[in-house]
Amino acid sequence: MNVFAAIGRVFLAFLGETGRLCIFMADAVSAVLRPPIYWSLIFKQMMRIGYFSLPVVGLTAFFTGGVLALQIAIGTDRYNAGAYVPQIVAIGITRELGPVIAGLMVAGRVAAAIAAEIGTMRVTEQIDALTTLATNPIKYLVVPRLIAAVISMPILVAIADSIGVFGGFAVATQKLDFTGAIYLKNTIDFITHQDVSSGLIKAAVFGFIIALMGCYNGFHSRGGAQGVGAATTDAVVSASILILAANYVLTSVLFSK
């Protein structure tokens, strides 16, 4: 019976944590719809989430596009279908790899930073001080990060898509003997509006998840420096898992027959 009791405790703890997350998310979303809106904080967070994440996302997208072109060329050569490399690289980057890779990289960089920042404010009682000064901490700390992440991620993913396709183009023209003009024409002719828009929709959802998990884990951190470290780790892990799960759900919805 001790085994079943342990399983029950884990399940109840999971339900309790899920309930707290849902309540926190509802409070954050409702705060977005109510004034005031701290535009200066939103712009500052957009720079931190989007602009400063561009180098690592751009490099990752470039090499991902290049590796994708190499692997597809190796696979399609078995069936004499090497001409389809541009089309597969474009659809793979815009639909899946661009949003997911960018989301995971930003989750590792931004979710950890948000959780550490807000967690430090929690353990040093700065959040309690905001409440004492009649400032809603959700409104002041969470809402600007949520809005900034939802706005910044689609822009970041659009740039990452372009860099990823260029990475495939560079490898295909330099190593796979593709003609540059033909490669670009095949890419432009094949890719559709839905391919690009689906990736941008995913990016907005991923941005919301990243900011939400960073803020939630930071808000509920306890126990000094060790608690802040645990909150940072939990933020990255939970955001990464939810991004992969949300990617499957969104793909099923956006490309359902």
Protein backbone atom coordinates (compact mmCIF):
# COMPACT_ATOMS: atom_id res chain seq x y z
CA MET A 1 0.00 0.00 0.00
CA ASN A 2 2.95 2.35 0.53
CA VAL A 3 3.62 2.26 -3.22
CA PHE A 4 0.08 3.39 -4.03
CA ALA A 5 0.27 6.07 -1.33
CA ALA A 6 3.47 7.44 -2.90
CA ILE A 7 1.88 7.46 -6.35
CA GLY A 8 -1.16 9.23 -4.94
CA ARG A 9 0.96 11.89 -3.26
CA VAL A 10 2.83 12.57 -6.51
CA PHE A 11 -0.41 12.77 -8.47
CA LEU A 12 -2.03 15.13 -5.96
CA ALA A 13 1.09 17.30 -5.92
CA PHE A 14 0.97 17.44 -9.72
CA LEU A 15 -2.69 18.47 -9.67
CA GLY A 16 -1.98 21.12 -7.06
CA GLU A 17 0.91 22.57 -9.06
CA THR A 18 -1.19 22.56 -12.23
CA GLY A 19 -3.98 24.37 -10.43
CA ARG A 20 -1.60 27.04 -9.10
CA LEU A 21 -0.17 27.52 -12.60
CA CYS A 22 -3.66 27.90 -14.12
CA ILE A 23 -4.65 30.46 -11.48
CA PHE A 24 -1.40 32.38 -12.04
CA MET A 25 -1.96 32.32 -15.81
CA ALA A 26 -5.56 33.53 -15.43
CA ASP A 27 -4.41 36.40 -13.20
CA ALA A 28 -1.69 37.35 -15.70
CA VAL A 29 -3.99 37.24 -18.75
CA SER A 30 -6.69 39.26 -16.98
CA ALA A 31 -4.07 41.83 -15.93
CA VAL A 32 -3.06 42.24 -19.59
CA LEU A 33 -6.57 43.46 -20.38
CA ARG A 34 -6.65 46.06 -17.60
CA PRO A 35 -4.84 49.41 -17.48
CA PRO A 36 -2.26 50.68 -16.81
CA ILE A 37 0.15 49.30 -19.42
CA TYR A 38 3.83 49.92 -18.69
CA TRP A 39 5.03 50.53 -22.23
CA SER A 40 8.57 51.44 -21.22
CA LEU A 41 8.96 48.13 -19.42
CA ILE A 42 7.48 46.27 -22.39
CA PHE A 43 9.99 47.86 -24.78
CA LYS A 44 12.86 47.08 -22.39
CA GLN A 45 11.79 43.44 -22.19
CA MET A 46 11.42 43.23 -25.96
CA MET A 47 15.05 44.24 -26.29
CA ARG A 48 16.14 41.67 -23.71
CA ILE A 49 13.99 38.83 -25.05
CA GLY A 50 14.16 39.49 -28.77
CA TYR A 51 17.11 41.64 -29.79
CA PHE A 52 19.69 40.17 -27.41
CA SER A 53 18.60 36.63 -28.30
CA LEU A 54 19.13 37.21 -32.01
CA PRO A 55 22.83 36.18 -32.20
CA VAL A 56 22.37 32.76 -30.61
CA VAL A 57 19.12 32.09 -32.48
CA GLY A 58 20.62 33.23 -35.77
CA LEU A 59 23.70 31.02 -35.45
CA THR A 60 21.58 28.04 -34.45
CA ALA A 61 19.20 28.58 -37.37
CA PHE A 62 22.05 28.93 -39.89
CA PHE A 63 23.75 25.69 -38.90
CA THR A 64 20.43 23.89 -38.59
CA GLY A 65 19.54 24.88 -42.16
CA GLY A 66 22.94 23.76 -43.40
CA VAL A 67 22.80 20.39 -41.66
CA LEU A 68 19.23 19.87 -42.85
CA ALA A 69 20.29 20.44 -46.46
CA LEU A 70 23.16 17.96 -46.11
CA GLN A 71 21.00 15.27 -44.52
CA ILE A 72 18.18 15.68 -47.03
CA ALA A 73 20.64 15.51 -49.93
CA ILE A 74 22.09 12.27 -48.57
CA GLY A 75 18.63 10.76 -48.11
CA THR A 76 17.16 11.86 -51.43
CA ASP A 77 20.17 10.69 -53.43
CA ARG A 78 19.08 7.11 -52.74
CA TYR A 79 15.97 7.75 -54.85
CA ASN A 80 17.46 10.25 -57.34
CA ALA A 81 15.32 13.01 -55.81
CA GLY A 82 18.04 15.49 -54.92
CA ALA A 83 16.17 18.29 -56.71
CA TYR A 84 13.70 18.44 -53.81
CA VAL A 85 16.28 19.62 -51.29
CA PRO A 86 15.24 23.34 -51.46
CA GLN A 87 11.55 22.57 -50.95
CA ILE A 88 12.10 20.25 -47.98
CA VAL A 89 14.56 22.63 -46.31
CA ALA A 90 12.11 25.52 -46.67
CA ILE A 91 9.12 23.65 -45.30
CA GLY A 92 11.16 22.05 -42.51
CA ILE A 93 12.55 25.38 -41.35
CA THR A 94 9.38 27.46 -41.58
CA ARG A 95 6.94 24.92 -40.16
CA GLU A 96 8.95 23.15 -37.48
CA LEU A 97 12.64 23.72 -36.96
CA GLY A 98 12.58 27.52 -37.02
CA PRO A 99 9.93 27.97 -34.29
CA VAL A 100 11.00 25.00 -32.17
CA ILE A 101 14.75 25.66 -32.24
CA ALA A 102 14.23 29.37 -31.57
CA GLY A 103 11.77 28.57 -28.78
CA LEU A 104 14.16 26.15 -27.07
CA MET A 105 17.11 28.52 -27.35
CA VAL A 106 15.12 31.46 -26.01
CA ALA A 107 13.72 29.24 -23.25
CA GLY A 108 17.23 28.37 -22.13
CA ARG A 109 18.31 31.99 -22.19
CA VAL A 110 15.24 34.03 -21.25
CA ALA A 111 13.17 31.75 -19.01
CA ALA A 112 16.19 31.22 -16.77
CA ALA A 113 16.91 34.96 -16.63
CA ILE A 114 13.29 35.83 -15.82
CA ALA A 115 13.06 33.17 -13.11
CA ALA A 116 16.36 34.26 -11.54
CA GLU A 117 15.40 37.94 -11.59
CA ILE A 118 11.91 37.54 -10.17
CA GLY A 119 13.05 34.79 -7.79
CA THR A 120 15.70 37.10 -6.36
CA MET A 121 13.06 39.78 -5.91
CA ARG A 122 10.88 37.25 -4.10
CA VAL A 123 13.49 36.02 -1.63
CA THR A 124 14.71 39.57 -0.93
CA GLU A 125 11.09 40.68 -0.32
CA GLN A 126 11.09 43.25 -3.14
CA ILE A 127 7.79 41.83 -4.43
CA ASP A 128 6.26 42.32 -0.98
CA ALA A 129 7.54 45.90 -1.10
CA LEU A 130 5.71 46.46 -4.41
CA THR A 131 2.48 45.26 -2.81
CA THR A 132 3.07 47.58 0.15
CA LEU A 133 3.45 50.49 -2.31
CA ALA A 134 0.06 49.64 -3.87
CA THR A 135 1.65 48.30 -7.07
CA ASN A 136 0.27 45.05 -8.43
CA PRO A 137 3.34 42.80 -8.88
CA ILE A 138 1.59 40.75 -11.57
CA LYS A 139 0.86 43.92 -13.51
CA TYR A 140 4.34 45.36 -13.02
CA LEU A 141 6.53 42.27 -13.36
CA VAL A 142 4.63 39.62 -15.31
CA VAL A 143 2.51 41.49 -17.87
CA PRO A 144 5.39 43.39 -19.56
CA ARG A 145 7.33 40.15 -19.98
CA LEU A 146 4.33 38.27 -21.37
CA ILE A 147 3.50 40.99 -23.90
CA ALA A 148 7.13 41.44 -24.90
CA ALA A 149 7.66 37.70 -25.41
CA VAL A 150 4.48 37.27 -27.48
CA ILE A 151 5.51 40.21 -29.71
CA SER A 152 9.23 39.41 -29.94
CA MET A 153 9.11 35.68 -30.67
CA PRO A 154 7.32 35.87 -34.06
CA ILE A 155 9.78 38.57 -35.19
CA LEU A 156 12.68 36.47 -33.96
CA VAL A 157 11.36 33.35 -35.67
CA ALA A 158 10.79 35.21 -38.96
CA ILE A 159 14.44 36.26 -38.92
CA ALA A 160 15.51 32.75 -37.90
CA ASP A 161 13.52 31.26 -40.80
CA SER A 162 15.32 33.53 -43.26
CA ILE A 163 18.72 32.70 -41.79
CA GLY A 164 17.92 28.97 -41.72
CA VAL A 165 16.86 28.95 -45.37
CA PHE A 166 20.01 30.91 -46.21
CA GLY A 167 22.07 28.29 -44.36
CA GLY A 168 20.54 25.59 -46.54
CA PHE A 169 21.15 27.75 -49.62
CA ALA A 170 24.81 28.28 -48.70
CA VAL A 171 25.48 24.58 -48.16
CA ALA A 172 23.53 23.53 -51.26
CA THR A 173 25.33 25.94 -53.57
CA GLN A 174 28.81 25.43 -52.10
CA LYS A 175 28.84 21.67 -51.42
CA LEU A 176 25.93 20.11 -53.29
CA ASP A 177 26.43 21.77 -56.71
CA PHE A 178 23.08 23.55 -56.77
CA THR A 179 22.64 26.65 -58.91
CA GLY A 180 21.76 29.61 -56.71
CA ALA A 181 19.00 30.96 -58.95
CA ILE A 182 17.31 27.56 -59.31
CA TYR A 183 17.53 26.92 -55.56
CA LEU A 184 15.88 30.25 -54.75
CA LYS A 185 13.20 29.77 -57.42
CA ASN A 186 12.28 26.32 -56.11
CA THR A 187 12.10 27.68 -52.56
CA ILE A 188 9.90 30.66 -53.47
CA ASP A 189 7.60 28.64 -55.73
CA PHE A 190 7.07 25.88 -53.18
CA ILE A 191 6.62 27.71 -49.89
CA THR A 192 3.11 28.92 -49.06
CA HIS A 193 1.57 31.53 -46.79
CA GLN A 194 0.35 28.81 -44.43
CA ASP A 195 3.87 27.45 -43.96
CA VAL A 196 5.14 30.81 -42.73
CA SER A 197 2.05 31.86 -40.76
CA SER A 198 1.85 28.55 -38.90
CA GLY A 199 5.41 28.99 -37.69
CA LEU A 200 4.69 32.54 -36.53
CA ILE A 201 1.58 31.40 -34.65
CA LYS A 202 3.67 28.75 -32.94
CA ALA A 203 6.28 31.36 -32.09
CA ALA A 204 3.72 33.59 -30.34
CA VAL A 205 2.47 30.64 -28.27
CA PHE A 206 6.04 29.62 -27.43
CA GLY A 207 6.82 33.17 -26.32
CA PHE A 208 3.83 33.12 -23.99
CA ILE A 209 4.95 29.79 -22.53
CA ILE A 210 8.54 30.98 -22.00
CA ALA A 211 7.54 34.16 -20.20
CA LEU A 212 4.81 32.45 -18.19
CA MET A 213 7.04 29.65 -16.89
CA GLY A 214 9.87 32.04 -16.07
CA CYS A 215 7.56 34.36 -14.14
CA TYR A 216 5.67 31.54 -12.42
CA ASN A 217 8.75 29.73 -11.15
CA GLY A 218 10.37 32.97 -10.09
CA PHE A 219 7.23 34.13 -8.26
CA HIS A 220 7.00 30.89 -6.29
CA SER A 221 10.68 30.44 -5.46
CA ARG A 222 11.53 29.90 -1.80
CA GLY A 223 14.60 29.26 0.30
CA GLY A 224 17.19 31.87 -0.63
CA ALA A 225 19.85 31.32 -3.27
CA GLN A 226 19.22 27.58 -3.47
CA GLY A 227 15.51 28.19 -4.12
CA VAL A 228 16.32 30.69 -6.86
CA GLY A 229 18.62 28.15 -8.52
CA ALA A 230 15.93 25.49 -8.38
CA ALA A 231 13.37 27.91 -9.80
CA THR A 232 15.72 28.75 -12.69
CA THR A 233 16.20 25.07 -13.53
CA ASP A 234 12.48 24.34 -13.25
CA ALA A 235 11.66 27.29 -15.52
CA VAL A 236 13.92 26.06 -18.35
CA VAL A 237 12.84 22.42 -18.06
CA SER A 238 9.11 23.15 -17.85
CA ALA A 239 9.22 25.72 -20.66
CA SER A 240 11.11 23.31 -22.95
CA ILE A 241 8.71 20.43 -22.30
CA LEU A 242 5.64 22.64 -22.79
CA ILE A 243 7.08 24.02 -26.03
CA LEU A 244 7.48 20.52 -27.46
CA ALA A 245 4.00 19.50 -26.28
CA ALA A 246 2.43 22.70 -27.64
CA ASN A 247 4.23 22.18 -30.95
CA TYR A 248 2.54 18.80 -31.37
CA VAL A 249 -0.89 20.21 -30.47
CA LEU A 250 -0.54 23.23 -32.74
CA THR A 251 0.69 21.09 -35.64
CA SER A 252 -2.31 18.81 -35.22
CA VAL A 253 -4.67 21.80 -35.23
CA LEU A 254 -3.07 23.90 -37.96
CA PHE A 255 -2.49 21.05 -40.42
CA SER A 256 -5.44 18.81 -39.65
CA LYS A 257 -7.14 17.37 -42.71
